[in-house]
PDB file of N, CA and C in Angstrom:
ATOM      1  N   UNK A   1       4.003  11.385  19.115  1.00  0.00           N
ATOM      2  CA  UNK A   1       4.017   9.952  18.699  1.00  0.00           C
ATOM      3  C   UNK A   1       4.915  10.491  17.448  1.00  0.00           C
ATOM      4  N   UNK A   2       5.953   9.712  16.723  1.00  0.00           N
ATOM      5  CA  UNK A   2       6.534  10.154  15.567  1.00  0.00           C
ATOM      6  C   UNK A   2       5.465   9.774  14.472  1.00  0.00           C
ATOM      7  N   UNK A   3       5.761  10.377  13.059  1.00  0.00           N
ATOM      8  CA  UNK A   3       4.707  10.027  12.310  1.00  0.00           C
ATOM      9  C   UNK A   3       4.752   8.684  11.800  1.00  0.00           C
ATOM     10  N   UNK A   4       5.962   8.076  11.798  1.00  0.00           N
ATOM     11  CA  UNK A   4       6.134   6.572  11.167  1.00  0.00           C
ATOM     12  C   UNK A   4       5.455   5.700  11.883  1.00  0.00           C
ATOM     13  N   UNK A   5       5.497   5.885  13.279  1.00  0.00           N
ATOM     14  CA  UNK A   5       4.960   5.103  14.274  1.00  0.00           C
ATOM     15  C   UNK A   5       3.275   5.231  14.290  1.00  0.00           C
ATOM     16  N   UNK A   6       2.922   6.522  14.217  1.00  0.00           N
ATOM     17  CA  UNK A   6       1.436   6.592  14.369  1.00  0.00           C
ATOM     18  C   UNK A   6       0.848   5.942  12.882  1.00  0.00           C
ATOM     19  N   UNK A   7       1.720   6.216  11.852  1.00  0.00           N
ATOM     20  CA  UNK A   7       0.903   5.298  10.528  1.00  0.00           C
ATOM     21  C   UNK A   7       1.003   3.858  10.622  1.00  0.00           C
ATOM     22  N   UNK A   8       2.061   3.381  11.338  1.00  0.00           N
ATOM     23  CA  UNK A   8       1.951   2.137  11.582  1.00  0.00           C
ATOM     24  C   UNK A   8       0.847   1.521  12.626  1.00  0.00           C
ATOM     25  N   UNK A   9       0.782   2.492  13.703  1.00  0.00           N
ATOM     26  CA  UNK A   9      -0.294   2.437  14.790  1.00  0.00           C
ATOM     27  C   UNK A   9      -1.872   2.343  13.986  1.00  0.00           C
ATOM     28  N   UNK A  10      -2.184   3.178  12.969  1.00  0.00           N
ATOM     29  CA  UNK A  10      -3.241   3.383  12.482  1.00  0.00           C
ATOM     30  C   UNK A  10      -3.452   2.297  11.491  1.00  0.00           C
ATOM     31  N   UNK A  11      -2.219   2.173  10.668  1.00  0.00           N
ATOM     32  CA  UNK A  11      -2.511   0.846   9.816  1.00  0.00           C
ATOM     33  C   UNK A  11      -2.996  -0.478  10.320  1.00  0.00           C
ATOM     34  N   UNK A  12      -2.362  -0.685  11.694  1.00  0.00           N
ATOM     35  CA  UNK A  12      -2.593  -2.112  12.617  1.00  0.00           C
ATOM     36  C   UNK A  12      -4.250  -1.945  13.090  1.00  0.00           C
ATOM     37  N   UNK A  13      -4.597  -0.913  13.504  1.00  0.00           N
ATOM     38  CA  UNK A  13      -6.086  -0.635  13.982  1.00  0.00           C
ATOM     39  C   UNK A  13      -6.628  -0.977  12.686  1.00  0.00           C
ATOM     40  N   UNK A  14      -6.539  -0.093  11.570  1.00  0.00           N
ATOM     41  CA  UNK A  14      -7.213  -0.713  10.258  1.00  0.00           C
ATOM     42  C   UNK A  14      -7.272  -2.144   9.924  1.00  0.00           C
ATOM     43  N   UNK A  15      -6.109  -2.581  10.063  1.00  0.00           N
ATOM     44  CA  UNK A  15      -5.923  -3.979   9.714  1.00  0.00           C
ATOM     45  C   UNK A  15      -6.779  -4.900  10.649  1.00  0.00           C
ATOM     46  N   UNK A  16      -7.064  -4.932  11.754  1.00  0.00           N
ATOM     47  CA  UNK A  16      -7.669  -5.298  12.634  1.00  0.00           C
ATOM     48  C   UNK A  16      -9.150  -5.531  12.246  1.00  0.00           C
ATOM     49  N   UNK A  17      -9.806  -4.655  11.670  1.00  0.00           N
ATOM     50  CA  UNK A  17     -11.161  -4.157  10.992  1.00  0.00           C
ATOM     51  C   UNK A  17     -11.363  -5.328   9.711  1.00  0.00           C
ATOM     52  N   UNK A  18     -10.440  -5.918   9.214  1.00  0.00           N
ATOM     53  CA  UNK A  18     -10.566  -6.673   8.353  1.00  0.00           C
ATOM     54  C   UNK A  18     -10.580  -8.151   8.658  1.00  0.00           C
ATOM     55  N   UNK A  19     -11.682  -8.926   7.761  1.00  0.00           N
ATOM     56  CA  UNK A  19     -11.972 -10.312   8.100  1.00  0.00           C
ATOM     57  C   UNK A  19     -10.810 -10.917   7.138  1.00  0.00           C
ATOM     58  N   UNK A  20      -9.941 -11.883   8.286  1.00  0.00           N
ATOM     59  CA  UNK A  20      -8.590 -12.562   7.698  1.00  0.00           C
ATOM     60  C   UNK A  20      -9.151 -13.373   6.382  1.00  0.00           C
ATOM     61  N   UNK A  21     -10.566 -14.018   6.309  1.00  0.00           N
ATOM     62  CA  UNK A  21     -10.981 -14.636   5.041  1.00  0.00           C
ATOM     63  C   UNK A  21     -10.786 -13.862   3.908  1.00  0.00           C
ATOM     64  N   UNK A  22     -10.633 -12.667   4.065  1.00  0.00           N
ATOM     65  CA  UNK A  22     -10.757 -11.747   2.985  1.00  0.00           C
ATOM     66  C   UNK A  22      -9.515 -11.243   2.335  1.00  0.00           C
ATOM     67  N   UNK A  23      -8.206 -11.665   3.119  1.00  0.00           N
ATOM     68  CA  UNK A  23      -6.877 -11.674   2.609  1.00  0.00           C
ATOM     69  C   UNK A  23      -6.042 -12.619   1.869  1.00  0.00           C
ATOM     70  N   UNK A  24      -5.378 -12.298   0.970  1.00  0.00           N
ATOM     71  CA  UNK A  24      -4.607 -13.355  -0.089  1.00  0.00           C
ATOM     72  C   UNK A  24      -3.099 -12.720  -0.029  1.00  0.00           C
ATOM     73  N   UNK A  25      -2.181 -13.590   0.217  1.00  0.00           N
ATOM     74  CA  UNK A  25      -0.912 -12.941   0.233  1.00  0.00           C
ATOM     75  C   UNK A  25      -0.185 -13.642  -0.953  1.00  0.00           C
ATOM     76  N   UNK A  26       0.277 -12.769  -1.662  1.00  0.00           N
ATOM     77  CA  UNK A  26       1.280 -13.256  -2.963  1.00  0.00           C
ATOM     78  C   UNK A  26       2.653 -13.104  -2.684  1.00  0.00           C
ATOM     79  N   UNK A  27       3.581 -14.169  -3.120  1.00  0.00           N
ATOM     80  CA  UNK A  27       4.751 -13.968  -2.829  1.00  0.00           C
ATOM     81  C   UNK A  27       5.584 -14.463  -4.283  1.00  0.00           C
ATOM     82  N   UNK A  28       6.604 -14.495  -4.481  1.00  0.00           N
ATOM     83  CA  UNK A  28       7.489 -14.679  -5.722  1.00  0.00           C
ATOM     84  C   UNK A  28       8.976 -15.087  -5.305  1.00  0.00           C
ATOM     85  N   UNK A  29       9.498 -16.079  -5.831  1.00  0.00           N
ATOM     86  CA  UNK A  29      10.883 -16.367  -5.646  1.00  0.00           C
ATOM     87  C   UNK A  29      11.448 -16.488  -7.224  1.00  0.00           C
ATOM     88  N   UNK A  30      12.718 -16.336  -7.240  1.00  0.00           N
ATOM     89  CA  UNK A  30      13.337 -16.991  -8.581  1.00  0.00           C
ATOM     90  C   UNK A  30      14.216 -18.175  -8.407  1.00  0.00           C
ATOM     91  N   UNK A  31      14.500 -19.142  -8.902  1.00  0.00           N
ATOM     92  CA  UNK A  31      15.063 -20.192  -8.546  1.00  0.00           C
ATOM     93  C   UNK A  31      15.755 -20.465  -9.966  1.00  0.00           C
ATOM     94  N   UNK A  32      17.225 -21.674  -9.765  1.00  0.00           N
ATOM     95  CA  UNK A  32      17.718 -21.882 -11.230  1.00  0.00           C
ATOM     96  C   UNK A  32      18.056 -23.270 -10.628  1.00  0.00           C
ATOM     97  N   UNK A  33      17.337 -24.423 -11.446  1.00  0.00           N
ATOM     98  CA  UNK A  33      17.509 -25.638 -11.434  1.00  0.00           C
ATOM     99  C   UNK A  33      18.988 -26.092 -11.221  1.00  0.00           C
ATOM    100  N   UNK A  34      20.086 -25.589 -12.162  1.00  0.00           N
ATOM    101  CA  UNK A  34      21.193 -25.980 -11.844  1.00  0.00           C
ATOM    102  C   UNK A  34      21.873 -25.410 -10.604  1.00  0.00           C
ATOM    103  N   UNK A  35      21.354 -24.926  -9.787  1.00  0.00           N
ATOM    104  CA  UNK A  35      21.834 -24.156  -8.442  1.00  0.00           C
ATOM    105  C   UNK A  35      21.820 -25.396  -7.590  1.00  0.00           C
ATOM    106  N   UNK A  36      23.141 -25.742  -7.066  1.00  0.00           N
ATOM    107  CA  UNK A  36      23.520 -26.918  -6.043  1.00  0.00           C
ATOM    108  C   UNK A  36      24.897 -26.430  -5.241  1.00  0.00           C
ATOM    109  N   UNK A  37      24.794 -27.197  -4.338  1.00  0.00           N
ATOM    110  CA  UNK A  37      25.847 -26.998  -3.291  1.00  0.00           C
ATOM    111  C   UNK A  37      26.955 -27.482  -3.939  1.00  0.00           C
ATOM    112  N   UNK A  38      28.221 -27.024  -3.544  1.00  0.00           N
ATOM    113  CA  UNK A  38      29.327 -27.680  -4.169  1.00  0.00           C
ATOM    114  C   UNK A  38      30.054 -28.937  -3.161  1.00  0.00           C
ATOM    115  N   UNK A  39      29.484 -29.048  -2.072  1.00  0.00           N
ATOM    116  CA  UNK A  39      29.945 -30.193  -1.254  1.00  0.00           C
ATOM    117  C   UNK A  39      28.937 -30.220  -0.020  1.00  0.00           C
ATOM    118  N   UNK A  40      28.669 -31.530   0.420  1.00  0.00           N
ATOM    119  CA  UNK A  40      28.231 -31.522   1.874  1.00  0.00           C
ATOM    120  C   UNK A  40      28.941 -32.280   2.571  1.00  0.00           C
ATOM    121  N   UNK A  41      28.380 -32.805   3.912  1.00  0.00           N
ATOM    122  CA  UNK A  41      28.913 -33.771   4.692  1.00  0.00           C
ATOM    123  C   UNK A  41      28.298 -34.857   4.954  1.00  0.00           C
ATOM    124  N   UNK A  42      29.032 -36.142   5.180  1.00  0.00           N
ATOM    125  CA  UNK A  42      29.003 -37.148   5.076  1.00  0.00           C
ATOM    126  C   UNK A  42      29.081 -38.255   6.893  1.00  0.00           C
ATOM    127  N   UNK A  43      29.032 -39.303   6.728  1.00  0.00           N
ATOM    128  CA  UNK A  43      29.433 -39.736   7.917  1.00  0.00           C
ATOM    129  C   UNK A  43      30.695 -39.150   8.574  1.00  0.00           C
ATOM    130  N   UNK A  44      30.518 -39.120  10.067  1.00  0.00           N
ATOM    131  CA  UNK A  44      31.984 -38.638  10.388  1.00  0.00           C
ATOM    132  C   UNK A  44      32.409 -37.267  10.093  1.00  0.00           C
ATOM    133  N   UNK A  45      31.570 -36.492   9.399  1.00  0.00           N
ATOM    134  CA  UNK A  45      31.916 -35.002   9.149  1.00  0.00           C
ATOM    135  C   UNK A  45      32.754 -35.038   7.903  1.00  0.00           C
ATOM    136  N   UNK A  46      32.968 -35.888   6.946  1.00  0.00           N
ATOM    137  CA  UNK A  46      33.798 -35.965   5.917  1.00  0.00           C
ATOM    138  C   UNK A  46      33.098 -35.118   4.801  1.00  0.00           C
ATOM    139  N   UNK A  47      33.958 -34.436   4.218  1.00  0.00           N
ATOM    140  CA  UNK A  47      33.361 -33.692   2.955  1.00  0.00           C
ATOM    141  C   UNK A  47      32.774 -34.779   1.952  1.00  0.00           C
ATOM    142  N   UNK A  48      31.686 -34.871   1.083  1.00  0.00           N
ATOM    143  CA  UNK A  48      31.313 -35.413   0.114  1.00  0.00           C
ATOM    144  C   UNK A  48      30.887 -34.457  -0.886  1.00  0.00           C
ATOM    145  N   UNK A  49      31.016 -34.838  -2.198  1.00  0.00           N
ATOM    146  CA  UNK A  49      30.980 -34.496  -3.564  1.00  0.00           C
ATOM    147  C   UNK A  49      29.820 -35.023  -4.059  1.00  0.00           C
ATOM    148  N   UNK A  50      29.350 -34.381  -5.326  1.00  0.00           N
ATOM    149  CA  UNK A  50      28.172 -34.925  -6.094  1.00  0.00           C
ATOM    150  C   UNK A  50      28.412 -34.069  -7.250  1.00  0.00           C
ATOM    151  N   UNK A  51      27.952 -35.028  -8.477  1.00  0.00           N
ATOM    152  CA  UNK A  51      28.020 -34.261  -9.855  1.00  0.00           C
ATOM    153  C   UNK A  51      27.281 -33.310  -9.905  1.00  0.00           C
ATOM    154  N   UNK A  52      27.421 -32.167 -10.630  1.00  0.00           N
ATOM    155  CA  UNK A  52      26.449 -31.003 -10.719  1.00  0.00           C
ATOM    156  C   UNK A  52      26.801 -30.514 -12.179  1.00  0.00           C
ATOM    157  N   UNK A  53      25.408 -30.062 -12.579  1.00  0.00           N
ATOM    158  CA  UNK A  53      25.557 -29.592 -13.972  1.00  0.00           C
ATOM    159  C   UNK A  53      26.567 -28.292 -14.528  1.00  0.00           C
ATOM    160  N   UNK A  54      26.910 -28.489 -15.982  1.00  0.00           N
ATOM    161  CA  UNK A  54      28.022 -27.817 -16.119  1.00  0.00           C
ATOM    162  C   UNK A  54      27.574 -26.275 -16.358  1.00  0.00           C
ATOM    163  N   UNK A  55      26.447 -26.433 -17.073  1.00  0.00           N
ATOM    164  CA  UNK A  55      26.096 -25.227 -17.365  1.00  0.00           C
ATOM    165  C   UNK A  55      25.088 -24.399 -16.503  1.00  0.00           C
ATOM    166  N   UNK A  56      24.992 -23.267 -16.577  1.00  0.00           N
ATOM    167  CA  UNK A  56      24.096 -22.437 -15.545  1.00  0.00           C
ATOM    168  C   UNK A  56      22.706 -22.822 -15.504  1.00  0.00           C
ATOM    169  N   UNK A  57      22.116 -23.008 -16.535  1.00  0.00           N
ATOM    170  CA  UNK A  57      20.731 -23.359 -16.695  1.00  0.00           C
ATOM    171  C   UNK A  57      19.679 -21.974 -16.828  1.00  0.00           C
ATOM    172  N   UNK A  58      18.604 -22.280 -16.967  1.00  0.00           N
ATOM    173  CA  UNK A  58      17.824 -20.986 -17.073  1.00  0.00           C
ATOM    174  C   UNK A  58      17.049 -20.856 -15.426  1.00  0.00           C
ATOM    175  N   UNK A  59      16.897 -19.540 -15.525  1.00  0.00           N
ATOM    176  CA  UNK A  59      16.127 -19.081 -14.255  1.00  0.00           C
ATOM    177  C   UNK A  59      14.624 -19.111 -14.351  1.00  0.00           C
ATOM    178  N   UNK A  60      14.038 -19.458 -13.382  1.00  0.00           N
ATOM    179  CA  UNK A  60      12.375 -19.677 -13.285  1.00  0.00           C
ATOM    180  C   UNK A  60      11.999 -19.283 -12.218  1.00  0.00           C
ATOM    181  N   UNK A  61      11.040 -18.393 -12.438  1.00  0.00           N
ATOM    182  CA  UNK A  61      10.074 -17.795 -11.484  1.00  0.00           C
ATOM    183  C   UNK A  61       9.039 -18.435 -11.011  1.00  0.00           C
ATOM    184  N   UNK A  62       8.706 -18.627  -9.526  1.00  0.00           N
ATOM    185  CA  UNK A  62       7.545 -19.221  -8.977  1.00  0.00           C
ATOM    186  C   UNK A  62       6.775 -18.047  -8.359  1.00  0.00           C
ATOM    187  N   UNK A  63       5.525 -17.984  -8.482  1.00  0.00           N
ATOM    188  CA  UNK A  63       4.657 -16.849  -7.867  1.00  0.00           C
ATOM    189  C   UNK A  63       3.448 -17.581  -7.541  1.00  0.00           C
ATOM    190  N   UNK A  64       3.156 -17.301  -6.257  1.00  0.00           N
ATOM    191  CA  UNK A  64       1.964 -18.261  -5.545  1.00  0.00           C
ATOM    192  C   UNK A  64       1.215 -17.314  -4.574  1.00  0.00           C
ATOM    193  N   UNK A  65      -0.153 -17.729  -4.412  1.00  0.00           N
ATOM    194  CA  UNK A  65      -1.103 -16.772  -3.414  1.00  0.00           C
ATOM    195  C   UNK A  65      -1.458 -17.830  -2.684  1.00  0.00           C
ATOM    196  N   UNK A  66      -1.466 -17.441  -1.230  1.00  0.00           N
ATOM    197  CA  UNK A  66      -2.051 -17.868  -0.005  1.00  0.00           C
ATOM    198  C   UNK A  66      -3.217 -17.546   0.368  1.00  0.00           C
ATOM    199  N   UNK A  67      -4.261 -17.999   1.160  1.00  0.00           N
ATOM    200  CA  UNK A  67      -5.410 -17.402   1.818  1.00  0.00           C
ATOM    201  C   UNK A  67      -5.385 -18.215   3.265  1.00  0.00           C
ATOM    202  N   UNK A  68      -6.260 -18.163   4.018  1.00  0.00           N
ATOM    203  CA  UNK A  68      -6.292 -18.555   5.239  1.00  0.00           C
ATOM    204  C   UNK A  68      -6.448 -20.037   4.894  1.00  0.00           C
ATOM    205  N   UNK A  69      -6.998 -20.376   3.643  1.00  0.00           N
ATOM    206  CA  UNK A  69      -7.392 -22.049   3.626  1.00  0.00           C
ATOM    207  C   UNK A  69      -6.204 -22.748   3.046  1.00  0.00           C
ATOM    208  N   UNK A  70      -5.032 -21.737   2.822  1.00  0.00           N
ATOM    209  CA  UNK A  70      -3.598 -22.437   1.948  1.00  0.00           C
ATOM    210  C   UNK A  70      -3.337 -22.061   0.989  1.00  0.00           C
ATOM    211  N   UNK A  71      -2.460 -22.531   0.122  1.00  0.00           N
ATOM    212  CA  UNK A  71      -2.205 -22.402  -1.417  1.00  0.00           C
ATOM    213  C   UNK A  71      -3.443 -22.490  -2.197  1.00  0.00           C
ATOM    214  N   UNK A  72      -3.609 -21.320  -3.021  1.00  0.00           N
ATOM    215  CA  UNK A  72      -4.828 -21.122  -3.540  1.00  0.00           C
ATOM    216  C   UNK A  72      -4.456 -21.033  -5.260  1.00  0.00           C
ATOM    217  N   UNK A  73      -3.151 -20.627  -5.671  1.00  0.00           N
ATOM    218  CA  UNK A  73      -2.878 -20.368  -7.091  1.00  0.00           C
ATOM    219  C   UNK A  73      -1.305 -20.258  -7.169  1.00  0.00           C
ATOM    220  N   UNK A  74      -0.747 -21.012  -8.116  1.00  0.00           N
ATOM    221  CA  UNK A  74       0.362 -20.941  -8.439  1.00  0.00           C
ATOM    222  C   UNK A  74       0.804 -20.739  -9.610  1.00  0.00           C
ATOM    223  N   UNK A  75       1.993 -20.192 -10.205  1.00  0.00           N
ATOM    224  CA  UNK A  75       2.400 -20.152 -11.446  1.00  0.00           C
ATOM    225  C   UNK A  75       3.854 -20.201 -11.697  1.00  0.00           C
ATOM    226  N   UNK A  76       4.426 -20.897 -12.885  1.00  0.00           N
ATOM    227  CA  UNK A  76       5.769 -20.884 -12.921  1.00  0.00           C
ATOM    228  C   UNK A  76       6.246 -20.443 -14.240  1.00  0.00           C
ATOM    229  N   UNK A  77       7.276 -19.674 -14.629  1.00  0.00           N
ATOM    230  CA  UNK A  77       7.665 -19.496 -15.899  1.00  0.00           C
ATOM    231  C   UNK A  77       9.010 -19.145 -15.872  1.00  0.00           C
ATOM    232  N   UNK A  78       9.666 -19.262 -17.329  1.00  0.00           N
ATOM    233  CA  UNK A  78      10.965 -19.082 -17.179  1.00  0.00           C
ATOM    234  C   UNK A  78      11.110 -17.540 -17.339  1.00  0.00           C
ATOM    235  N   UNK A  79      12.448 -17.193 -16.887  1.00  0.00           N
ATOM    236  CA  UNK A  79      12.909 -15.779 -16.519  1.00  0.00           C
ATOM    237  C   UNK A  79      12.461 -15.051 -15.220  1.00  0.00           C
ATOM    238  N   UNK A  80      12.430 -13.799 -15.546  1.00  0.00           N
ATOM    239  CA  UNK A  80      12.002 -12.699 -14.272  1.00  0.00           C
ATOM    240  C   UNK A  80      10.877 -12.537 -14.284  1.00  0.00           C
ATOM    241  N   UNK A  81      10.314 -11.957 -12.876  1.00  0.00           N
ATOM    242  CA  UNK A  81       9.028 -11.398 -12.765  1.00  0.00           C
ATOM    243  C   UNK A  81       8.901  -9.999 -13.415  1.00  0.00           C
ATOM    244  N   UNK A  82       8.019  -9.678 -14.187  1.00  0.00           N
ATOM    245  CA  UNK A  82       7.820  -8.165 -14.544  1.00  0.00           C
ATOM    246  C   UNK A  82       6.548  -7.988 -14.453  1.00  0.00           C
ATOM    247  N   UNK A  83       6.306  -6.530 -14.695  1.00  0.00           N
ATOM    248  CA  UNK A  83       4.546  -6.014 -14.739  1.00  0.00           C
ATOM    249  C   UNK A  83       3.957  -7.102 -15.649  1.00  0.00           C
ATOM    250  N   UNK A  84       4.184  -7.290 -16.479  1.00  0.00           N
ATOM    251  CA  UNK A  84       3.295  -8.328 -17.623  1.00  0.00           C
ATOM    252  C   UNK A  84       3.119  -9.436 -17.015  1.00  0.00           C
ATOM    253  N   UNK A  85       4.116 -10.224 -16.758  1.00  0.00           N
ATOM    254  CA  UNK A  85       4.008 -11.649 -16.107  1.00  0.00           C
ATOM    255  C   UNK A  85       3.059 -11.774 -14.814  1.00  0.00           C
ATOM    256  N   UNK A  86       3.386 -10.422 -13.770  1.00  0.00           N
ATOM    257  CA  UNK A  86       2.289 -10.372 -12.621  1.00  0.00           C
ATOM    258  C   UNK A  86       0.871 -10.081 -13.084  1.00  0.00           C
ATOM    259  N   UNK A  87       0.630  -9.371 -14.100  1.00  0.00           N
ATOM    260  CA  UNK A  87      -0.974  -9.011 -14.710  1.00  0.00           C
ATOM    261  C   UNK A  87      -1.082 -10.202 -15.018  1.00  0.00           C
ATOM    262  N   UNK A  88      -0.464 -11.125 -15.850  1.00  0.00           N
ATOM    263  CA  UNK A  88      -0.953 -12.565 -16.544  1.00  0.00           C
ATOM    264  C   UNK A  88      -1.307 -13.217 -15.040  1.00  0.00           C
ATOM    265  N   UNK A  89      -0.656 -13.592 -14.158  1.00  0.00           N
ATOM    266  CA  UNK A  89      -0.960 -14.246 -13.010  1.00  0.00           C
ATOM    267  C   UNK A  89      -2.155 -13.759 -12.270  1.00  0.00           C
ATOM    268  N   UNK A  90      -2.420 -12.490 -12.050  1.00  0.00           N
ATOM    269  CA  UNK A  90      -3.623 -11.957 -11.492  1.00  0.00           C
ATOM    270  C   UNK A  90      -4.627 -12.342 -12.596  1.00  0.00           C
ATOM    271  N   UNK A  91      -4.610 -11.791 -13.813  1.00  0.00           N
ATOM    272  CA  UNK A  91      -5.900 -11.661 -14.464  1.00  0.00           C
ATOM    273  C   UNK A  91      -6.548 -13.586 -14.907  1.00  0.00           C
ATOM    274  N   UNK A  92      -4.999 -14.125 -15.048  1.00  0.00           N
ATOM    275  CA  UNK A  92      -5.437 -15.615 -15.939  1.00  0.00           C
ATOM    276  C   UNK A  92      -5.652 -16.510 -14.701  1.00  0.00           C
ATOM    277  N   UNK A  93      -4.753 -16.615 -13.471  1.00  0.00           N
ATOM    278  CA  UNK A  93      -4.964 -17.337 -12.647  1.00  0.00           C
ATOM    279  C   UNK A  93      -5.209 -17.128 -11.232  1.00  0.00           C
ATOM    280  N   UNK A  94      -4.842 -16.163 -10.447  1.00  0.00           N
ATOM    281  CA  UNK A  94      -5.577 -15.800  -9.143  1.00  0.00           C
ATOM    282  C   UNK A  94      -6.878 -15.372  -9.352  1.00  0.00           C
ATOM    283  N   UNK A  95      -7.345 -14.525 -10.006  1.00  0.00           N
ATOM    284  CA  UNK A  95      -8.816 -13.897  -9.964  1.00  0.00           C
ATOM    285  C   UNK A  95      -9.878 -14.878 -10.294  1.00  0.00           C
ATOM    286  N   UNK A  96      -9.393 -15.626 -11.469  1.00  0.00           N
ATOM    287  CA  UNK A  96     -10.536 -16.765 -11.610  1.00  0.00           C
ATOM    288  C   UNK A  96     -10.697 -17.816 -10.570  1.00  0.00           C
ATOM    289  N   UNK A  97      -9.447 -18.119  -9.866  1.00  0.00           N
ATOM    290  CA  UNK A  97      -9.539 -18.824  -8.521  1.00  0.00           C
ATOM    291  C   UNK A  97     -10.515 -18.050  -7.517  1.00  0.00           C
ATOM    292  N   UNK A  98     -10.366 -17.033  -7.268  1.00  0.00           N
ATOM    293  CA  UNK A  98     -10.914 -16.248  -6.330  1.00  0.00           C
ATOM    294  C   UNK A  98     -12.244 -16.573  -6.485  1.00  0.00           C
ATOM    295  N   UNK A  99     -12.905 -15.639  -7.513  1.00  0.00           N
ATOM    296  CA  UNK A  99     -14.101 -15.711  -8.195  1.00  0.00           C
ATOM    297  C   UNK A  99     -14.816 -17.032  -8.178  1.00  0.00           C
ATOM    298  N   UNK A 100     -13.869 -18.126  -8.567  1.00  0.00           N
ATOM    299  CA  UNK A 100     -14.545 -19.473  -8.956  1.00  0.00           C
ATOM    300  C   UNK A 100     -14.777 -20.393  -7.490  1.00  0.00           C
ATOM    301  N   UNK A 101     -14.163 -19.836  -6.384  1.00  0.00           N
ATOM    302  CA  UNK A 101     -14.173 -20.658  -5.420  1.00  0.00           C
ATOM    303  C   UNK A 101     -13.244 -21.768  -5.297  1.00  0.00           C
ATOM    304  N   UNK A 102     -12.092 -21.689  -6.094  1.00  0.00           N
ATOM    305  CA  UNK A 102     -11.370 -23.167  -6.118  1.00  0.00           C
ATOM    306  C   UNK A 102      -9.876 -22.855  -5.948  1.00  0.00           C
ATOM    307  N   UNK A 103      -9.214 -23.885  -5.799  1.00  0.00           N
ATOM    308  CA  UNK A 103      -7.512 -23.670  -5.973  1.00  0.00           C
ATOM    309  C   UNK A 103      -7.229 -24.274  -7.232  1.00  0.00           C
ATOM    310  N   UNK A 104      -6.345 -23.513  -7.796  1.00  0.00           N
ATOM    311  CA  UNK A 104      -5.857 -23.961  -9.095  1.00  0.00           C
ATOM    312  C   UNK A 104      -4.136 -23.472  -9.300  1.00  0.00           C
ATOM    313  N   UNK A 105      -3.673 -23.905 -10.088  1.00  0.00           N
ATOM    314  CA  UNK A 105      -2.381 -23.268 -10.469  1.00  0.00           C
ATOM    315  C   UNK A 105      -2.054 -23.678 -12.004  1.00  0.00           C
ATOM    316  N   UNK A 106      -0.829 -23.230 -12.454  1.00  0.00           N
ATOM    317  CA  UNK A 106      -0.572 -23.080 -13.857  1.00  0.00           C
ATOM    318  C   UNK A 106       0.980 -23.234 -14.028  1.00  0.00           C
ATOM    319  N   UNK A 107       1.571 -23.993 -14.876  1.00  0.00           N
ATOM    320  CA  UNK A 107       3.006 -23.871 -15.010  1.00  0.00           C
ATOM    321  C   UNK A 107       3.856 -24.974 -14.608  1.00  0.00           C
TER     322      UNK A 107
END
């Protein structure tokens, strides 16, 4: 068995030993509120247009955590995710939610 395949197999077997209630999944995405389509389609397939912002606008980051119970913590902030903002999310948002047993969010 190749090394990579063996490691995946071992990881999968280890994962089977973990209670899903103890898992929390974290994901982040960046977005720009000025991001919009240039055109769409209307009745009969005709192209339709709408106004859009002239300026690019600011980038926003959304980070969230989910468990078996659903969304448990969220945070939004201007700019990009970096280690400092990730640690803020963990220490000030996610961990208090997990330890306190409640759903919460910020931003």
